Amino acid sequence: MSERTGLALPAVRSPTVGRRRVAVTDGLDDLLVAAFTRLATTISDTFEPRLGAARDQREAVEAIVSLIHGDLQRSRREQVLTYELYTLDARRAEFRTITQSWMQASRHALERHFAPGTARALDAYIEGAALHIALDPDPQSAAQTREAITRLIGPSDDQGGPREEDR
């Protein structure tokens, strides 16, 4: 379990073949859970200090741009593993605890500066933008990402915090 994000290893049920449990797969499932939990924790642990260091919403926007264009692009290996986790999650419900915990930790970090609904939208945008930047031969620039985030969060108060109605 990560101390910063609280991501925990989920319990994984053993698959069955016919009416028999497959013992060999148990070990593989345990390995997959441990590896993907470590990946999710590693990436999630990047969000917390970046967003925690932001003093206001404007700095939080810059932290998100840095996450999308820097941290989430730092390793092709991490990108491939992330997409493999998403695929595994889509196919096998017992692995969803990993991605659900990861999303919850990311949203929690975003909620330091944004209302819960906005944090949810930003979390989805971060995932999508990171994917497009990784795969697009002509990816969007940091300025385009900043503009998209600014449009997504809408107007803020003069201090750069969330709008009063979003609190």
Foldseek 3Di string as FASTA:
>chain_A
DDPQQPQDQFDDDFDADPNHGDPVVVVVVVVLSVVLLVLLNVLLVLLQVQLVPDPAQVSNLVSLLCCLVPVLQPDPVSVVSVVVLVVVCVVDVRSVSSVVSSLVSQLVSVVVAFFSVLSNVSSVVSVVLSVCQNPPPDHDDSVVSSVVNDVSQDDDDPRRGHHPVRD
